[in-house]
Amino acid sequence: MSLGIIAGLLLGFFCYLPAVLLWQHYGGVPQPRVYPHGSFTSFGPDPPPASYWVSWAAPAVVVVACGLMTVPWRPARQFALPLVCAFLPMAAMVAWFFISMELFFTPD
């Protein structure tokens, strides 16, 4: 298994969420309200602010941009591209879980 894949999985699992939370804290991103049970398809008249979605996308965009910068240099590319390809699915799973908990988790 490539070192880049291992690093990407670890980066996505352990570093993505703290980066998002720091972005939200220091960027002054307002926390969205909790939506009622069964509202997975519609946020109604009060959707989460755009800055909330940007705070989840920006750390992933930074990692992808850094990975793309290594394309011209072969030794770095052999590490960075597997890292990015492993990071993105792991970060997507972390984001899916935490966004769904933030927006839709209401105790019955």
N, C-alpha and C. Protein backbone atom coordinates (compact mmCIF):
# COMPACT_ATOMS: atom_id res chain seq x y z
N MET A 1 0.85 -1.18 0.00
CA MET A 1 0.00 0.00 0.00
C MET A 1 0.90 1.24 0.00
N SER A 2 0.51 2.17 -0.80
CA SER A 2 1.29 3.40 -0.96
C SER A 2 1.25 4.25 0.31
N LEU A 3 2.37 4.89 0.57
CA LEU A 3 2.44 5.80 1.71
C LEU A 3 1.48 6.97 1.55
N GLY A 4 1.28 7.40 0.31
CA GLY A 4 0.34 8.49 0.05
C GLY A 4 -1.09 8.11 0.39
N ILE A 5 -1.48 6.87 0.12
CA ILE A 5 -2.83 6.41 0.45
C ILE A 5 -3.03 6.40 1.95
N ILE A 6 -2.06 5.86 2.66
CA ILE A 6 -2.16 5.81 4.13
C ILE A 6 -2.23 7.22 4.70
N ALA A 7 -1.37 8.10 4.20
CA ALA A 7 -1.37 9.49 4.69
C ALA A 7 -2.69 10.18 4.36
N GLY A 8 -3.24 9.93 3.19
CA GLY A 8 -4.51 10.55 2.82
C GLY A 8 -5.67 10.08 3.69
N LEU A 9 -5.70 8.78 3.99
CA LEU A 9 -6.75 8.26 4.86
C LEU A 9 -6.64 8.85 6.26
N LEU A 10 -5.42 8.91 6.78
CA LEU A 10 -5.22 9.47 8.11
C LEU A 10 -5.54 10.97 8.14
N LEU A 11 -5.12 11.67 7.11
CA LEU A 11 -5.39 13.11 7.02
C LEU A 11 -6.89 13.37 6.95
N GLY A 12 -7.59 12.59 6.15
CA GLY A 12 -9.03 12.76 6.02
C GLY A 12 -9.78 12.43 7.30
N PHE A 13 -9.32 11.41 8.01
CA PHE A 13 -10.04 10.98 9.21
C PHE A 13 -9.73 11.85 10.43
N PHE A 14 -8.44 12.18 10.62
CA PHE A 14 -8.05 12.87 11.84
C PHE A 14 -7.88 14.38 11.72
N CYS A 15 -7.64 14.91 10.52
CA CYS A 15 -7.33 16.33 10.39
C CYS A 15 -8.42 17.15 9.70
N TYR A 16 -9.27 16.52 8.92
CA TYR A 16 -10.28 17.28 8.18
C TYR A 16 -11.29 17.95 9.12
N LEU A 17 -11.85 17.22 10.04
CA LEU A 17 -12.84 17.79 10.95
C LEU A 17 -12.26 18.92 11.81
N PRO A 18 -11.07 18.75 12.42
CA PRO A 18 -10.52 19.89 13.16
C PRO A 18 -10.29 21.12 12.29
N ALA A 19 -9.89 20.91 11.03
CA ALA A 19 -9.70 22.06 10.12
C ALA A 19 -11.02 22.77 9.87
N VAL A 20 -12.09 22.00 9.69
CA VAL A 20 -13.41 22.59 9.47
C VAL A 20 -13.87 23.35 10.71
N LEU A 21 -13.70 22.75 11.87
CA LEU A 21 -14.14 23.39 13.11
C LEU A 21 -13.35 24.67 13.40
N LEU A 22 -12.05 24.66 13.11
CA LEU A 22 -11.26 25.88 13.28
C LEU A 22 -11.72 26.96 12.30
N TRP A 23 -11.99 26.57 11.06
CA TRP A 23 -12.49 27.52 10.06
C TRP A 23 -13.80 28.14 10.53
N GLN A 24 -14.70 27.29 11.05
CA GLN A 24 -16.00 27.80 11.51
C GLN A 24 -15.84 28.71 12.72
N HIS A 25 -14.95 28.36 13.63
CA HIS A 25 -14.76 29.15 14.84
C HIS A 25 -14.14 30.51 14.53
N TYR A 26 -12.99 30.51 13.86
CA TYR A 26 -12.27 31.75 13.60
C TYR A 26 -12.87 32.54 12.44
N GLY A 27 -13.66 31.89 11.59
CA GLY A 27 -14.32 32.59 10.49
C GLY A 27 -15.66 33.17 10.87
N GLY A 28 -16.08 32.90 12.09
CA GLY A 28 -17.36 33.43 12.55
C GLY A 28 -18.56 32.85 11.82
N VAL A 29 -18.47 31.58 11.45
CA VAL A 29 -19.57 30.94 10.72
C VAL A 29 -20.70 30.65 11.70
N PRO A 30 -21.90 31.15 11.42
CA PRO A 30 -23.02 30.88 12.32
C PRO A 30 -23.44 29.41 12.23
N GLN A 31 -23.77 28.84 13.37
CA GLN A 31 -24.22 27.45 13.39
C GLN A 31 -25.66 27.38 12.89
N PRO A 32 -25.94 26.45 12.00
CA PRO A 32 -27.31 26.33 11.50
C PRO A 32 -28.22 25.72 12.55
N ARG A 33 -29.49 25.94 12.38
CA ARG A 33 -30.44 25.36 13.32
C ARG A 33 -30.62 23.88 12.99
N VAL A 34 -31.18 23.12 13.91
CA VAL A 34 -31.48 21.71 13.68
C VAL A 34 -32.82 21.63 12.96
N TYR A 35 -32.86 20.86 11.90
CA TYR A 35 -34.07 20.73 11.11
C TYR A 35 -34.89 19.54 11.60
N PRO A 36 -36.20 19.61 11.48
CA PRO A 36 -37.04 18.55 12.04
C PRO A 36 -36.86 17.21 11.35
N HIS A 37 -37.24 16.17 12.06
CA HIS A 37 -37.15 14.81 11.55
C HIS A 37 -37.92 14.69 10.23
N GLY A 38 -37.30 14.06 9.24
CA GLY A 38 -37.95 13.86 7.96
C GLY A 38 -37.73 14.98 6.96
N SER A 39 -36.88 15.95 7.26
CA SER A 39 -36.68 17.08 6.34
C SER A 39 -35.37 16.94 5.56
N PHE A 40 -35.00 15.72 5.20
CA PHE A 40 -33.74 15.49 4.50
C PHE A 40 -33.73 16.09 3.09
N THR A 41 -34.89 16.31 2.51
CA THR A 41 -34.94 16.80 1.14
C THR A 41 -35.17 18.30 1.04
N SER A 42 -35.55 18.94 2.15
CA SER A 42 -35.84 20.37 2.09
C SER A 42 -35.45 21.04 3.40
N PHE A 43 -34.81 22.19 3.28
CA PHE A 43 -34.46 22.97 4.46
C PHE A 43 -35.54 23.98 4.80
N GLY A 44 -36.52 24.10 3.94
CA GLY A 44 -37.60 25.05 4.20
C GLY A 44 -37.15 26.48 3.95
N PRO A 45 -37.80 27.44 4.63
CA PRO A 45 -37.50 28.85 4.38
C PRO A 45 -36.20 29.33 5.04
N ASP A 46 -35.57 28.51 5.88
CA ASP A 46 -34.38 28.94 6.62
C ASP A 46 -33.22 27.97 6.39
N PRO A 47 -32.62 27.99 5.18
CA PRO A 47 -31.52 27.05 4.93
C PRO A 47 -30.25 27.47 5.67
N PRO A 48 -29.30 26.54 5.83
CA PRO A 48 -28.02 26.92 6.44
C PRO A 48 -27.33 28.00 5.59
N PRO A 49 -26.57 28.89 6.22
CA PRO A 49 -25.90 29.95 5.45
C PRO A 49 -24.85 29.37 4.51
N ALA A 50 -24.57 30.10 3.44
CA ALA A 50 -23.57 29.65 2.47
C ALA A 50 -22.20 29.49 3.13
N SER A 51 -21.89 30.33 4.11
CA SER A 51 -20.59 30.23 4.77
C SER A 51 -20.44 28.89 5.50
N TYR A 52 -21.54 28.29 5.92
CA TYR A 52 -21.49 26.97 6.55
C TYR A 52 -21.00 25.92 5.55
N TRP A 53 -21.55 25.97 4.34
CA TRP A 53 -21.15 25.00 3.32
C TRP A 53 -19.72 25.26 2.84
N VAL A 54 -19.34 26.53 2.75
CA VAL A 54 -17.97 26.87 2.35
C VAL A 54 -16.98 26.36 3.39
N SER A 55 -17.34 26.44 4.67
CA SER A 55 -16.42 25.97 5.71
C SER A 55 -16.18 24.47 5.62
N TRP A 56 -17.11 23.72 5.07
CA TRP A 56 -16.91 22.28 4.88
C TRP A 56 -16.13 22.00 3.59
N ALA A 57 -16.29 22.83 2.57
CA ALA A 57 -15.63 22.58 1.29
C ALA A 57 -14.20 23.11 1.24
N ALA A 58 -13.93 24.22 1.90
CA ALA A 58 -12.64 24.89 1.75
C ALA A 58 -11.44 24.03 2.15
N PRO A 59 -11.44 23.33 3.29
CA PRO A 59 -10.27 22.51 3.61
C PRO A 59 -9.99 21.43 2.56
N ALA A 60 -11.04 20.85 2.00
CA ALA A 60 -10.84 19.84 0.95
C ALA A 60 -10.28 20.48 -0.31
N VAL A 61 -10.75 21.67 -0.65
CA VAL A 61 -10.25 22.37 -1.83
C VAL A 61 -8.77 22.70 -1.65
N VAL A 62 -8.37 23.07 -0.46
CA VAL A 62 -6.95 23.38 -0.19
C VAL A 62 -6.09 22.13 -0.39
N VAL A 63 -6.54 20.99 0.11
CA VAL A 63 -5.77 19.75 -0.06
C VAL A 63 -5.68 19.37 -1.53
N VAL A 64 -6.77 19.48 -2.27
CA VAL A 64 -6.76 19.16 -3.70
C VAL A 64 -5.84 20.13 -4.45
N ALA A 65 -5.89 21.41 -4.13
CA ALA A 65 -5.02 22.39 -4.80
C ALA A 65 -3.54 22.09 -4.54
N CYS A 66 -3.22 21.73 -3.30
CA CYS A 66 -1.83 21.37 -2.99
C CYS A 66 -1.41 20.12 -3.75
N GLY A 67 -2.32 19.16 -3.87
CA GLY A 67 -2.01 17.95 -4.63
C GLY A 67 -1.81 18.24 -6.11
N LEU A 68 -2.63 19.12 -6.67
CA LEU A 68 -2.49 19.46 -8.08
C LEU A 68 -1.21 20.24 -8.37
N MET A 69 -0.72 20.97 -7.40
CA MET A 69 0.53 21.72 -7.60
C MET A 69 1.72 20.78 -7.77
N THR A 70 1.60 19.54 -7.33
CA THR A 70 2.73 18.61 -7.42
C THR A 70 2.77 17.87 -8.75
N VAL A 71 1.77 18.03 -9.61
CA VAL A 71 1.70 17.27 -10.85
C VAL A 71 2.96 17.40 -11.71
N PRO A 72 3.55 18.58 -11.89
CA PRO A 72 4.75 18.65 -12.73
C PRO A 72 5.97 17.93 -12.16
N TRP A 73 6.04 17.72 -10.87
CA TRP A 73 7.23 17.13 -10.26
C TRP A 73 6.94 15.68 -9.91
N ARG A 74 7.55 14.75 -10.65
CA ARG A 74 7.22 13.33 -10.54
C ARG A 74 7.38 12.74 -9.14
N PRO A 75 8.48 12.96 -8.43
CA PRO A 75 8.59 12.34 -7.09
C PRO A 75 7.48 12.77 -6.13
N ALA A 76 7.11 14.04 -6.18
CA ALA A 76 6.04 14.52 -5.31
C ALA A 76 4.69 14.02 -5.78
N ARG A 77 4.52 13.94 -7.09
CA ARG A 77 3.26 13.46 -7.65
C ARG A 77 2.96 12.03 -7.22
N GLN A 78 3.99 11.20 -7.12
CA GLN A 78 3.78 9.80 -6.73
C GLN A 78 3.30 9.67 -5.29
N PHE A 79 3.51 10.69 -4.49
CA PHE A 79 2.99 10.70 -3.12
C PHE A 79 1.67 11.47 -3.03
N ALA A 80 1.61 12.62 -3.68
CA ALA A 80 0.48 13.54 -3.48
C ALA A 80 -0.80 13.07 -4.15
N LEU A 81 -0.73 12.52 -5.34
CA LEU A 81 -1.96 12.11 -6.01
C LEU A 81 -2.66 10.95 -5.28
N PRO A 82 -1.94 9.91 -4.83
CA PRO A 82 -2.64 8.91 -4.00
C PRO A 82 -3.17 9.51 -2.70
N LEU A 83 -2.44 10.47 -2.13
CA LEU A 83 -2.91 11.12 -0.91
C LEU A 83 -4.25 11.82 -1.16
N VAL A 84 -4.33 12.59 -2.23
CA VAL A 84 -5.57 13.30 -2.55
C VAL A 84 -6.70 12.32 -2.86
N CYS A 85 -6.38 11.27 -3.61
CA CYS A 85 -7.42 10.28 -3.97
C CYS A 85 -7.92 9.50 -2.76
N ALA A 86 -7.12 9.35 -1.73
CA ALA A 86 -7.57 8.69 -0.50
C ALA A 86 -8.21 9.69 0.45
N PHE A 87 -7.73 10.93 0.44
CA PHE A 87 -8.27 11.95 1.33
C PHE A 87 -9.71 12.30 1.00
N LEU A 88 -10.02 12.49 -0.28
CA LEU A 88 -11.35 12.97 -0.66
C LEU A 88 -12.49 12.05 -0.21
N PRO A 89 -12.42 10.73 -0.46
CA PRO A 89 -13.53 9.90 0.03
C PRO A 89 -13.62 9.86 1.55
N MET A 90 -12.48 9.86 2.23
CA MET A 90 -12.51 9.84 3.70
C MET A 90 -13.09 11.15 4.23
N ALA A 91 -12.67 12.27 3.67
CA ALA A 91 -13.21 13.56 4.11
C ALA A 91 -14.70 13.66 3.78
N ALA A 92 -15.12 13.10 2.66
CA ALA A 92 -16.54 13.12 2.31
C ALA A 92 -17.37 12.32 3.31
N MET A 93 -16.84 11.18 3.75
CA MET A 93 -17.57 10.38 4.75
C MET A 93 -17.65 11.11 6.09
N VAL A 94 -16.55 11.73 6.49
CA VAL A 94 -16.54 12.49 7.74
C VAL A 94 -17.53 13.66 7.64
N ALA A 95 -17.50 14.37 6.52
CA ALA A 95 -18.41 15.51 6.34
C ALA A 95 -19.86 15.04 6.33
N TRP A 96 -20.15 13.96 5.63
CA TRP A 96 -21.52 13.45 5.58
C TRP A 96 -22.03 13.12 6.98
N PHE A 97 -21.20 12.46 7.77
CA PHE A 97 -21.62 12.07 9.11
C PHE A 97 -21.86 13.29 9.99
N PHE A 98 -20.91 14.21 10.03
CA PHE A 98 -21.03 15.35 10.94
C PHE A 98 -22.07 16.36 10.48
N ILE A 99 -22.21 16.58 9.18
CA ILE A 99 -23.26 17.48 8.70
C ILE A 99 -24.63 16.90 9.03
N SER A 100 -24.80 15.61 8.82
CA SER A 100 -26.10 15.01 9.12
C SER A 100 -26.39 15.07 10.61
N MET A 101 -25.37 14.92 11.45
CA MET A 101 -25.59 15.03 12.89
C MET A 101 -25.90 16.47 13.29
N GLU A 102 -25.22 17.44 12.68
CA GLU A 102 -25.46 18.85 13.02
C GLU A 102 -26.83 19.34 12.58
N LEU A 103 -27.24 18.93 11.39
CA LEU A 103 -28.46 19.48 10.82
C LEU A 103 -29.72 18.68 11.14
N PHE A 104 -29.59 17.37 11.28
CA PHE A 104 -30.79 16.55 11.33
C PHE A 104 -30.94 15.68 12.57
N PHE A 105 -30.02 15.73 13.51
CA PHE A 105 -30.14 14.86 14.67
C PHE A 105 -30.98 15.54 15.74
N THR A 106 -32.12 14.99 15.99
CA THR A 106 -32.98 15.47 17.07
C THR A 106 -33.40 14.26 17.89
N PRO A 107 -33.17 14.29 19.17
CA PRO A 107 -33.60 13.16 19.99
C PRO A 107 -35.13 13.07 20.00
N ASP A 108 -35.62 11.88 19.89
CA ASP A 108 -37.08 11.68 19.87
C ASP A 108 -37.71 11.77 21.22
